[in-house]
Structures are given as C-alpha cells and as structure tokens.
C-alpha cells in the first residue's frame, strides 16, 4: 500500500484543522480502544457480527507500522496477508481521525491508499460496536460502477477474517441480487447515487441507521451531476453521523460545498492540491485533429507501447477511435457509459490480463480503474475540466511505478492545455 507521494502537508480552512503531529496521533490513539471478534470466519457478505473481546490499547509515540494503529488482530492479519507493513501518508493521517469518529475532508493523489485509509478504521469501528439491527451502518458513495467494484473488493479483502456483511449497489445490472442482499441485512453499502436512490424510493433500503457516510471521489460525483441525488440521499440519513470526503482533487468550490455537509472536520492534504503523481513523465504533441489517429497508431506500434489507456471526450469518439485502431491491427476495446456492465467488466479484465493492447475510454474510466503498473496514458482529446487531466493520468505512475502521460493537442485545444498547465503550475514539455 505504499505510494510515491510527498510528505504530508497541512491545508488552511475556515473549519477546524487537526494538527496531525506525532503528539496528536499519540493522544488520539491512546483514547481509542480496540475490540476484536472471537471467531475468524471469512465473511464479508455472509455472517453477522458477534460479541467482541476487549483488546487493550497502549500509548504510541508515532506511527510507523500498521500494528501501531491498534487495529484488532483480524484486520492486522488481513493486512499482513496482503504483504503490507508500512502505511502510506494518507493512511497515517486519516486512520486515527476516522477511528475517533471525526468528520474528515481529505485530498490525496490516486494510488496512495485512500480506500484503505477509510476502510480499515470503519471495519474496526463496526466490530468494536456490534449491533443486532439489520439496517446498514456505513454508506460509501462513489461516482462510477468501476470504482464501486474496486472499493467493494478492498473492503472484502480487508474484512476476510471479520463477520461483516456488505452490499454492492450500482446500475447497469439487474437489481434483484442487490435487493436480496439488502433484504438479508448488511452492515455496509457501497453504491453509486443513481441506483441507491432507486432502492431508497422503492423502500428497499433503510438509511436511518447510517453512522458514517463516505463520499469517495466527491468532486467527480458533483461534476457528473449527482448533486441532487446526493442531497436526496443525505436527507434520508440521520442528522448525527460521521462524514468523510476523499478525493484526488478538492477545488475551492467543492471545499466550500463540503463545509455545508461536514461538521468541524479535520482537513488533510498529503500532496499539493490537484497535483499529478510525481513519477509520471508528461509529453505534448501538437498535431492537427485529422493527424491524431495516425500519430497515435504510430506511437503505439513503432514505439512498442504494450499497454495504453486512451481517453476521448465522448462515447461516440471512443467507439470511432477503437474501430480505427482495430483496423490498424491493434487489439482494442472501448469502455464508456453506454456499454453494459458486463461489457465494461470484460473489457477491463482483458486489458488487465494483456489480451488487449489499447483501452479507449471516456472520463468515466478515470475513476475506479485500478491497473497495476500501467505504463502509458494518452489524452487523445484534452478534457473540458483541467482537474480531469489529473484524474486521467492518475491511472499511471501508481504505487511507486513510473508512467508516461501523452497528450495529442490540436489548435482548438490550446486554451485547455494552458488551463491544465496553470493548474499544474508548470509547462508540459513538447515532444513534437
């Protein structure tokens, strides 16, 4: 879970900001008491929590290893089985805050362990305070199906030795299995706003017992037009609850909106705001619109690029580019919102396994695609929103691996390029 990021940096806010010094961490962790389930059955979606045995806390001076968080043995065992010992900066700062039940606004680069930063402490709290009621206690909202599946997988792996039930809720698939899972009773729900609102309106789910709300990739959900759905969902939640907002970027207008939902939040910035991953090499090719496809094909074929994620602005553009690259003899698939969930899942799995060389995607794929050691991301068209550039290239240069971000820029996109460079605080080198 270690990522390549700079040392944690503080961020000013009108709300209270927690000073996450080693002394503060020690005070937080001394106040926390961990509890752990007696039995070790692997059951993320199968078994109900049972009474816990107390596990004494001990004072800590600083955080260096996962065991320093005083997580229960079942969670530590899952982390160790994954081969992780040292937490990342976002985990070091966020986990104690979440364990204490505070609201949190956190910004961190992609690939730095944000999901575990809230999954581990929330699983810990579920087990420390078991309930007999069947309604969910944790709600995680995400913008896309792919991210929902990724977050669900992370919870499932970390909860493998805990008696926790979870449900994955998103559109594009039959609602019946989701309804059955929710009816059986769950501890946590990971959902996209649209499908969750459908279930809420149909009275399939009861959100009146939610203790913690997590908005993951919060800025993207708002950018994608989920604000009305999110507000309706929040209206169904208890007023007294913990609120966590995580994202790779948190522009000021999103932070302002977040202040209406968060109460006295801790604010964490572990990287410069809207900064891309540090291990990504950026390049720009200035080219006419008609020359983009030939140049892309030449870069992939002659450059020996074995795996490339290519972004377009529209679904039609993604389909058209995929068809043209296929005619060039490349193995390629397209992924966007009009594709069925089954088709999107197959395309992503084929890409991960190396069965296809090029995956053409719209910005829906900028969130939730977890591809280890992806070497190249190509902006066939620059995004309308500069922050989306950061999310796109965040698919490469993850967890200590280097990557390359290539942008094909036509004359009418130069204003967008300048906006991106202004956001990054530097010019992007021109290759041609």
Protein backbone atom coordinates (compact mmCIF):
# COMPACT_ATOMS: atom_id res chain seq x y z
CA UNK A 1 0.00 0.00 0.00
CA UNK A 2 2.95 2.36 -0.11
CA UNK A 3 2.67 5.14 -2.65
CA UNK A 4 5.01 7.69 -4.13
CA UNK A 5 3.90 10.99 -2.60
CA UNK A 6 5.45 13.92 -0.87
CA UNK A 7 5.48 14.38 2.87
CA UNK A 8 2.09 15.33 4.37
CA UNK A 9 1.20 18.98 4.08
CA UNK A 10 -1.37 20.94 6.05
CA UNK A 11 -4.15 22.98 4.43
CA UNK A 12 -5.89 26.10 5.76
CA UNK A 13 -9.66 26.02 6.19
CA UNK A 14 -12.36 28.03 7.88
CA UNK A 15 -13.27 24.89 9.80
CA UNK A 16 -11.06 23.39 12.46
CA UNK A 17 -7.98 21.65 11.16
CA UNK A 18 -6.46 18.86 13.18
CA UNK A 19 -2.72 19.15 13.75
CA UNK A 20 -1.54 15.68 12.90
CA UNK A 21 1.78 15.77 14.68
CA UNK A 22 3.18 12.65 16.36
CA UNK A 23 1.99 14.03 19.71
CA UNK A 24 -1.57 14.44 18.41
CA UNK A 25 -1.53 10.96 16.93
CA UNK A 26 -0.44 9.60 20.29
CA UNK A 27 -3.31 11.34 22.08
CA UNK A 28 -5.82 10.10 19.53
CA UNK A 29 -4.64 6.55 19.72
CA UNK A 30 -4.38 6.50 23.49
CA UNK A 31 -8.06 7.48 23.59
CA UNK A 32 -9.01 4.67 21.22
CA UNK A 33 -9.76 1.17 22.46
CA UNK A 34 -9.79 -1.68 20.02
CA UNK A 35 -12.14 -4.65 20.11
CA UNK A 36 -11.90 -7.79 18.10
CA UNK A 37 -14.29 -10.63 17.17
CA UNK A 38 -13.57 -14.04 18.61
CA UNK A 39 -14.22 -16.08 15.52
CA UNK A 40 -12.24 -15.68 12.32
CA UNK A 41 -14.67 -16.73 9.67
CA UNK A 42 -14.11 -15.06 6.29
CA UNK A 43 -17.47 -13.48 5.62
CA UNK A 44 -17.63 -10.03 4.09
CA UNK A 45 -21.16 -10.69 2.88
CA UNK A 46 -22.14 -13.77 4.80
CA UNK A 47 -22.13 -13.66 8.60
CA UNK A 48 -23.39 -11.34 11.32
CA UNK A 49 -21.17 -9.73 13.96
CA UNK A 50 -20.98 -11.42 17.37
CA UNK A 51 -19.87 -10.14 20.81
CA UNK A 52 -16.31 -8.83 20.92
CA UNK A 53 -13.49 -9.41 23.36
CA UNK A 54 -11.77 -6.27 24.62
CA UNK A 55 -8.23 -5.68 23.43
CA UNK A 56 -6.25 -3.18 25.50
CA UNK A 57 -4.72 -0.12 23.87
CA UNK A 58 -1.22 1.08 24.58
CA UNK A 59 0.36 4.52 24.20
CA UNK A 60 2.27 5.24 20.98
CA UNK A 61 4.74 7.97 20.16
CA UNK A 62 4.37 7.76 16.39
CA UNK A 63 3.00 5.67 13.54
CA UNK A 64 5.43 3.56 11.54
CA UNK A 65 3.62 0.24 11.03
CA UNK A 66 0.01 -0.85 10.64
CA UNK A 67 0.14 -2.52 14.04
CA UNK A 68 0.73 0.93 15.58
CA UNK A 69 -2.89 1.86 14.81
CA UNK A 70 -4.04 -0.69 17.41
CA UNK A 71 -6.30 -2.40 14.90
CA UNK A 72 -7.74 -5.71 16.02
CA UNK A 73 -5.77 -8.87 15.16
CA UNK A 74 -8.24 -9.94 12.46
CA UNK A 75 -7.63 -6.73 10.48
CA UNK A 76 -3.88 -6.86 11.04
CA UNK A 77 -3.86 -10.44 9.82
CA UNK A 78 -5.62 -9.40 6.59
CA UNK A 79 -3.15 -6.54 6.05
CA UNK A 80 -0.18 -8.84 6.66
CA UNK A 81 -1.55 -11.42 4.22
CA UNK A 82 -1.58 -8.68 1.59
CA UNK A 83 2.11 -8.14 2.28
CA UNK A 84 1.76 -4.62 3.70
CA UNK A 85 3.50 -3.41 6.85
CA UNK A 86 4.02 0.35 6.48
CA UNK A 87 1.05 2.70 5.97
CA UNK A 88 1.10 5.49 3.38
CA UNK A 89 0.93 9.19 4.37
CA UNK A 90 -2.83 9.43 3.82
CA UNK A 91 -3.35 6.33 5.95
CA UNK A 92 -1.07 7.62 8.73
CA UNK A 93 -3.08 10.82 8.98
CA UNK A 94 -6.63 9.66 8.21
CA UNK A 95 -6.98 6.38 10.11
CA UNK A 96 -6.68 7.89 13.65
CA UNK A 97 -9.18 10.62 12.73
CA UNK A 98 -11.75 8.13 11.40
CA UNK A 99 -11.26 5.88 14.43
CA UNK A 100 -12.11 8.83 16.67
CA UNK A 101 -15.38 9.43 14.82
CA UNK A 102 -14.45 12.90 13.49
CA UNK A 103 -15.60 14.33 10.17
CA UNK A 104 -12.83 14.41 7.58
CA UNK A 105 -12.04 16.19 4.32
CA UNK A 106 -9.03 14.52 2.68
CA UNK A 107 -7.18 15.19 -0.56
CA UNK A 108 -4.56 12.75 -1.83
CA UNK A 109 -3.16 11.61 -5.14
CA UNK A 110 -4.59 8.47 -6.71
CA UNK A 111 -2.80 5.23 -5.97
CA UNK A 112 -1.80 6.30 -2.44
CA UNK A 113 -4.08 4.02 -0.44
CA UNK A 114 -7.13 6.26 0.09
CA UNK A 115 -9.56 3.31 0.15
CA UNK A 116 -7.75 1.52 2.97
CA UNK A 117 -7.49 4.86 4.78
CA UNK A 118 -11.23 4.73 5.43
CA UNK A 119 -11.96 1.00 5.02
CA UNK A 120 -9.66 -0.15 7.83
CA UNK A 121 -10.94 2.21 10.56
CA UNK A 122 -14.57 1.76 9.52
CA UNK A 123 -14.28 -2.04 9.71
CA UNK A 124 -12.61 -1.58 13.08
CA UNK A 125 -15.50 0.55 14.36
CA UNK A 126 -18.13 -1.86 13.05
CA UNK A 127 -16.52 -4.66 15.04
CA UNK A 128 -15.89 -2.57 18.14
CA UNK A 129 -19.59 -1.68 18.42
CA UNK A 130 -21.69 -4.55 17.01
CA UNK A 131 -25.43 -4.06 16.52
CA UNK A 132 -28.26 -6.55 16.18
CA UNK A 133 -30.36 -4.39 13.83
CA UNK A 134 -30.31 -5.32 10.14
CA UNK A 135 -30.07 -1.85 8.58
CA UNK A 136 -26.69 -0.67 7.18
CA UNK A 137 -24.45 1.47 9.38
CA UNK A 138 -21.85 2.58 6.81
CA UNK A 139 -22.64 4.07 3.40
CA UNK A 140 -19.91 4.64 0.78
CA UNK A 141 -20.97 6.67 -2.26
CA UNK A 142 -18.82 6.62 -5.42
CA UNK A 143 -19.32 8.08 -8.93
CA UNK A 144 -18.85 5.01 -11.16
CA UNK A 145 -19.57 1.29 -11.28
CA UNK A 146 -15.88 0.52 -11.69
CA UNK A 147 -14.91 2.45 -8.59
CA UNK A 148 -17.78 0.85 -6.65
CA UNK A 149 -16.46 -2.60 -7.55
CA UNK A 150 -12.91 -1.60 -6.66
CA UNK A 151 -13.90 -0.23 -3.25
CA UNK A 152 -16.04 -3.31 -2.60
CA UNK A 153 -13.11 -5.59 -3.41
CA UNK A 154 -10.91 -3.63 -0.98
CA UNK A 155 -13.45 -3.99 1.83
CA UNK A 156 -13.91 -7.67 1.03
CA UNK A 157 -10.19 -8.43 1.23
CA UNK A 158 -9.63 -6.43 4.40
CA UNK A 159 -12.72 -7.96 6.08
CA UNK A 160 -11.87 -11.55 5.14
CA UNK A 161 -11.47 -12.55 8.80
CA UNK A 162 -14.34 -10.44 10.13
CA UNK A 163 -18.06 -11.25 10.38
CA UNK A 164 -19.15 -8.23 8.31
CA UNK A 165 -21.91 -8.11 5.71
CA UNK A 166 -21.74 -5.75 2.75
CA UNK A 167 -23.76 -5.00 -0.37
CA UNK A 168 -22.57 -3.57 -3.69
CA UNK A 169 -25.19 -1.37 -5.38
CA UNK A 170 -24.88 0.17 -8.87
CA UNK A 171 -26.82 0.49 -12.12
CA UNK A 172 -26.49 -1.32 -15.43
CA UNK A 173 -27.25 -4.73 -13.90
CA UNK A 174 -30.35 -6.47 -12.57
CA UNK A 175 -31.46 -5.00 -9.22
CA UNK A 176 -32.76 -8.35 -7.91
CA UNK A 177 -29.49 -9.66 -6.40
CA UNK A 178 -28.96 -6.28 -4.75
CA UNK A 179 -32.48 -6.31 -3.30
CA UNK A 180 -31.92 -9.83 -1.97
CA UNK A 181 -28.63 -8.82 -0.33
CA UNK A 182 -30.15 -5.72 1.25
CA UNK A 183 -33.18 -7.68 2.46
CA UNK A 184 -30.91 -10.20 4.19
CA UNK A 185 -29.38 -7.40 6.27
CA UNK A 186 -25.99 -5.74 5.81
CA UNK A 187 -23.51 -3.70 7.82
CA UNK A 188 -22.27 -1.53 4.99
CA UNK A 189 -23.34 -0.48 1.50
CA UNK A 190 -21.08 0.66 -1.35
CA UNK A 191 -23.16 2.38 -4.03
CA UNK A 192 -23.45 4.77 -6.93
CA UNK A 193 -26.00 7.54 -6.23
CA UNK A 194 -28.49 6.76 -9.01
CA UNK A 195 -29.18 3.11 -8.23
CA UNK A 196 -29.13 3.73 -4.47
CA UNK A 197 -31.77 6.43 -4.91
CA UNK A 198 -33.89 3.94 -6.88
CA UNK A 199 -33.71 1.46 -3.99
CA UNK A 200 -34.44 4.22 -1.49
CA UNK A 201 -37.54 5.35 -3.37
CA UNK A 202 -38.71 1.74 -3.63
CA UNK A 203 -38.18 1.38 0.13
CA UNK A 204 -35.77 -1.49 -0.44
CA UNK A 205 -33.17 0.07 1.83
CA UNK A 206 -33.38 1.82 5.20
CA UNK A 207 -30.74 4.51 5.70
CA UNK A 208 -31.98 5.74 9.06
CA UNK A 209 -29.26 3.86 10.97
CA UNK A 210 -26.25 5.11 8.99
CA UNK A 211 -23.43 6.06 11.34
CA UNK A 212 -20.81 7.02 8.73
CA UNK A 213 -21.20 8.46 5.24
CA UNK A 214 -18.21 8.30 2.89
CA UNK A 215 -18.11 10.34 -0.32
CA UNK A 216 -15.25 8.89 -2.36
CA UNK A 217 -14.09 10.94 -5.36
CA UNK A 218 -16.53 13.57 -4.10
CA UNK A 219 -15.59 16.24 -6.64
CA UNK A 220 -16.22 13.89 -9.53
CA UNK A 221 -19.67 12.97 -8.25
CA UNK A 222 -20.58 16.62 -8.15
CA UNK A 223 -19.04 17.26 -11.59
CA UNK A 224 -21.06 14.37 -13.02
CA UNK A 225 -24.32 15.92 -11.90
CA UNK A 226 -25.02 13.75 -8.87
CA UNK A 227 -25.58 16.73 -6.55
CA UNK A 228 -29.39 16.43 -6.49
CA UNK A 229 -29.30 12.66 -5.93
CA UNK A 230 -26.70 13.05 -3.17
CA UNK A 231 -28.78 15.70 -1.43
CA UNK A 232 -31.84 13.44 -1.51
CA UNK A 233 -29.82 10.56 -0.11
CA UNK A 234 -28.33 12.74 2.63
CA UNK A 235 -31.83 13.89 3.57
CA UNK A 236 -32.67 10.24 4.38
CA UNK A 237 -29.67 9.85 6.71
CA UNK A 238 -29.60 10.58 10.45
CA UNK A 239 -28.53 14.16 11.18
CA UNK A 240 -26.00 12.92 13.71
CA UNK A 241 -23.40 10.92 11.81
CA UNK A 242 -19.75 10.89 10.77
CA UNK A 243 -18.98 12.31 7.30
CA UNK A 244 -15.84 11.51 5.31
CA UNK A 245 -14.92 13.08 1.97
CA UNK A 246 -11.99 11.70 -0.03
CA UNK A 247 -10.75 12.76 -3.44
CA UNK A 248 -7.64 13.20 -5.53
CA UNK A 249 -8.60 16.84 -6.12
CA UNK A 250 -10.63 19.24 -3.99
CA UNK A 251 -11.02 22.58 -5.77
CA UNK A 252 -12.12 25.51 -3.62
CA UNK A 253 -15.72 25.46 -4.83
CA UNK A 254 -16.01 21.80 -3.81
CA UNK A 255 -14.44 22.56 -0.43
CA UNK A 256 -17.00 25.33 0.07
CA UNK A 257 -19.84 22.93 -0.65
CA UNK A 258 -18.26 20.31 1.62
CA UNK A 259 -18.41 22.73 4.53
CA UNK A 260 -22.20 22.57 4.37
CA UNK A 261 -22.06 18.80 4.98
CA UNK A 262 -19.13 18.39 7.34
CA UNK A 263 -19.11 19.37 11.00
CA UNK A 264 -15.83 20.70 12.42
CA UNK A 265 -13.81 18.49 10.04
CA UNK A 266 -10.19 17.54 10.13
CA UNK A 267 -8.64 18.59 6.81
CA UNK A 268 -5.78 16.59 5.32
CA UNK A 269 -3.68 17.37 2.24
CA UNK A 270 -0.92 14.85 1.68
CA UNK A 271 0.08 16.36 -1.67
CA UNK A 272 -0.10 19.75 -3.38
CA UNK A 273 -3.67 20.46 -4.35
CA UNK A 274 -4.62 19.00 -7.77
CA UNK A 275 -1.07 17.71 -8.23
CA UNK A 276 -0.44 14.74 -10.52
CA UNK A 277 1.59 11.73 -9.50
CA UNK A 278 5.27 12.64 -9.26
CA UNK A 279 6.56 9.62 -11.19
CA UNK A 280 4.66 10.50 -14.39
CA UNK A 281 6.57 11.85 -17.38
CA UNK A 282 4.38 14.33 -19.33
CA UNK A 283 4.64 14.98 -23.08
CA UNK A 284 2.64 17.06 -25.55
CA UNK A 285 2.37 16.53 -29.30
CA UNK A 286 0.92 19.47 -31.26
CA UNK A 287 -0.99 17.95 -34.16
CA UNK A 288 -3.99 18.72 -36.38
CA UNK A 289 -7.20 16.93 -35.48
CA UNK A 290 -7.02 14.84 -38.66
CA UNK A 291 -3.50 13.72 -37.78
CA UNK A 292 -4.25 12.48 -34.27
CA UNK A 293 -5.26 8.94 -35.19
CA UNK A 294 -2.24 8.26 -37.48
CA UNK A 295 0.12 9.71 -34.85
CA UNK A 296 -1.41 7.62 -32.07
CA UNK A 297 -1.15 4.44 -34.13
CA UNK A 298 2.49 5.20 -34.94
CA UNK A 299 3.35 5.92 -31.31
CA UNK A 300 1.81 2.64 -30.17
CA UNK A 301 3.14 0.41 -32.95
CA UNK A 302 6.57 1.95 -33.64
CA UNK A 303 7.10 2.93 -30.02
CA UNK A 304 6.43 -0.59 -28.80
CA UNK A 305 3.78 0.53 -26.32
CA UNK A 306 2.42 -2.73 -24.95
CA UNK A 307 -0.44 -1.30 -22.88
CA UNK A 308 -2.11 2.08 -23.23
CA UNK A 309 -5.23 3.69 -21.78
CA UNK A 310 -6.52 6.29 -24.28
CA UNK A 311 -9.02 8.98 -23.29
CA UNK A 312 -11.59 10.66 -25.53
CA UNK A 313 -14.20 13.26 -24.55
CA UNK A 314 -17.28 11.49 -25.96
CA UNK A 315 -18.73 7.99 -26.15
CA UNK A 316 -19.09 8.23 -29.94
CA UNK A 317 -15.49 9.35 -30.21
CA UNK A 318 -14.33 6.38 -28.14
CA UNK A 319 -16.19 3.90 -30.36
CA UNK A 320 -14.94 5.51 -33.56
CA UNK A 321 -11.31 5.60 -32.41
CA UNK A 322 -11.47 1.96 -31.24
CA UNK A 323 -12.76 0.89 -34.65
CA UNK A 324 -9.98 2.77 -36.46
CA UNK A 325 -7.24 1.36 -34.22
CA UNK A 326 -8.63 -2.13 -34.73
CA UNK A 327 -8.31 -1.64 -38.50
CA UNK A 328 -4.65 -0.79 -37.85
CA UNK A 329 -4.19 -4.31 -36.48
CA UNK A 330 -4.25 -3.43 -32.79
CA UNK A 331 -6.19 -5.36 -30.18
CA UNK A 332 -8.51 -2.72 -28.69
CA UNK A 333 -11.74 -2.25 -26.73
CA UNK A 334 -13.84 0.76 -25.78
CA UNK A 335 -15.34 1.47 -22.36
CA UNK A 336 -17.92 4.18 -21.59
CA UNK A 337 -21.31 4.79 -20.00
CA UNK A 338 -23.36 3.29 -22.84
CA UNK A 339 -21.65 -0.07 -22.51
CA UNK A 340 -23.34 -2.70 -20.38
CA UNK A 341 -21.71 -3.53 -17.08
CA UNK A 342 -20.81 -6.98 -18.42
CA UNK A 343 -19.08 -5.48 -21.47
CA UNK A 344 -17.21 -2.95 -19.33
CA UNK A 345 -16.06 -5.63 -16.91
CA UNK A 346 -14.87 -7.94 -19.72
CA UNK A 347 -13.00 -5.12 -21.49
CA UNK A 348 -11.26 -4.07 -18.29
CA UNK A 349 -10.31 -7.65 -17.41
CA UNK A 350 -8.97 -8.29 -20.92
CA UNK A 351 -6.91 -5.11 -20.64
CA UNK A 352 -5.52 -6.05 -17.23
CA UNK A 353 -4.60 -9.53 -18.46
CA UNK A 354 -2.87 -8.18 -21.57
CA UNK A 355 -5.34 -9.71 -24.01
CA UNK A 356 -5.97 -6.28 -25.50
CA UNK A 357 -3.30 -3.67 -26.06
CA UNK A 358 -5.36 -0.47 -26.08
CA UNK A 359 -8.35 0.51 -23.94
CA UNK A 360 -10.20 3.58 -25.24
CA UNK A 361 -12.26 5.28 -22.56
CA UNK A 362 -14.25 8.37 -21.68
CA UNK A 363 -13.70 10.14 -18.38
CA UNK A 364 -15.99 7.66 -16.64
CA UNK A 365 -12.94 5.38 -16.60
CA UNK A 366 -10.72 7.98 -14.94
CA UNK A 367 -12.07 6.85 -11.57
CA UNK A 368 -12.05 3.31 -10.30
CA UNK A 369 -9.67 1.71 -12.80
CA UNK A 370 -7.06 0.01 -10.65
CA UNK A 371 -4.44 -1.29 -13.09
CA UNK A 372 -1.07 -2.15 -11.62
CA UNK A 373 1.97 -0.84 -13.47
CA UNK A 374 0.02 0.77 -16.33
CA UNK A 375 2.84 2.32 -18.38
CA UNK A 376 1.01 4.78 -20.65
CA UNK A 377 -2.00 7.09 -20.58
CA UNK A 378 -2.86 9.03 -23.74
CA UNK A 379 -5.10 12.08 -23.92
CA UNK A 380 -6.40 11.70 -27.47
CA UNK A 381 -8.53 14.73 -26.62
CA UNK A 382 -7.94 17.04 -23.68
CA UNK A 383 -10.70 17.15 -21.07
CA UNK A 384 -13.04 20.13 -20.69
CA UNK A 385 -12.22 20.40 -16.97
CA UNK A 386 -8.50 20.80 -16.13
CA UNK A 387 -8.81 18.73 -12.94
CA UNK A 388 -9.87 15.75 -15.06
CA UNK A 389 -6.37 15.72 -16.55
CA UNK A 390 -5.04 14.85 -13.08
CA UNK A 391 -7.56 12.04 -12.71
CA UNK A 392 -6.80 10.65 -16.15
CA UNK A 393 -3.05 10.47 -15.73
CA UNK A 394 -3.53 9.21 -12.18
CA UNK A 395 -4.10 5.78 -13.73
CA UNK A 396 -0.34 5.58 -14.33
CA UNK A 397 2.63 6.29 -12.06
CA UNK A 398 0.90 4.50 -9.16
CA UNK A 399 2.36 2.95 -6.02
CA UNK A 400 5.96 3.75 -6.84
CA UNK A 401 5.87 2.74 -10.52
CA UNK A 402 6.81 5.20 -13.24
CA UNK A 403 4.48 6.11 -16.09
CA UNK A 404 4.08 8.30 -19.14
CA UNK A 405 1.24 10.70 -19.98
CA UNK A 406 0.98 11.68 -23.65
CA UNK A 407 -1.36 14.43 -24.85
CA UNK A 408 -2.29 15.00 -28.51
CA UNK A 409 -3.23 18.68 -28.72
CA UNK A 410 -4.91 20.31 -31.71
CA UNK A 411 -5.01 24.05 -32.33
CA UNK A 412 -8.51 24.44 -30.85
CA UNK A 413 -7.38 22.70 -27.63
CA UNK A 414 -4.54 25.05 -26.77
CA UNK A 415 -6.65 27.05 -24.33
CA UNK A 416 -7.40 23.79 -22.49
CA UNK A 417 -3.70 22.96 -22.44
CA UNK A 418 -2.88 26.36 -20.90
CA UNK A 419 -5.57 25.80 -18.25
CA UNK A 420 -4.05 22.42 -17.39
CA UNK A 421 -0.55 23.88 -17.19
CA UNK A 422 -1.86 26.65 -14.93
CA UNK A 423 -3.41 24.03 -12.67
CA UNK A 424 -0.15 22.04 -12.57
CA UNK A 425 1.93 25.18 -12.04
CA UNK A 426 4.32 24.34 -14.85
CA UNK A 427 4.54 23.88 -18.59
CA UNK A 428 4.26 20.41 -20.08
CA UNK A 429 7.27 19.54 -22.30
CA UNK A 430 6.56 19.48 -26.04
CA UNK A 431 7.73 16.36 -27.86
CA UNK A 432 6.64 17.49 -31.32
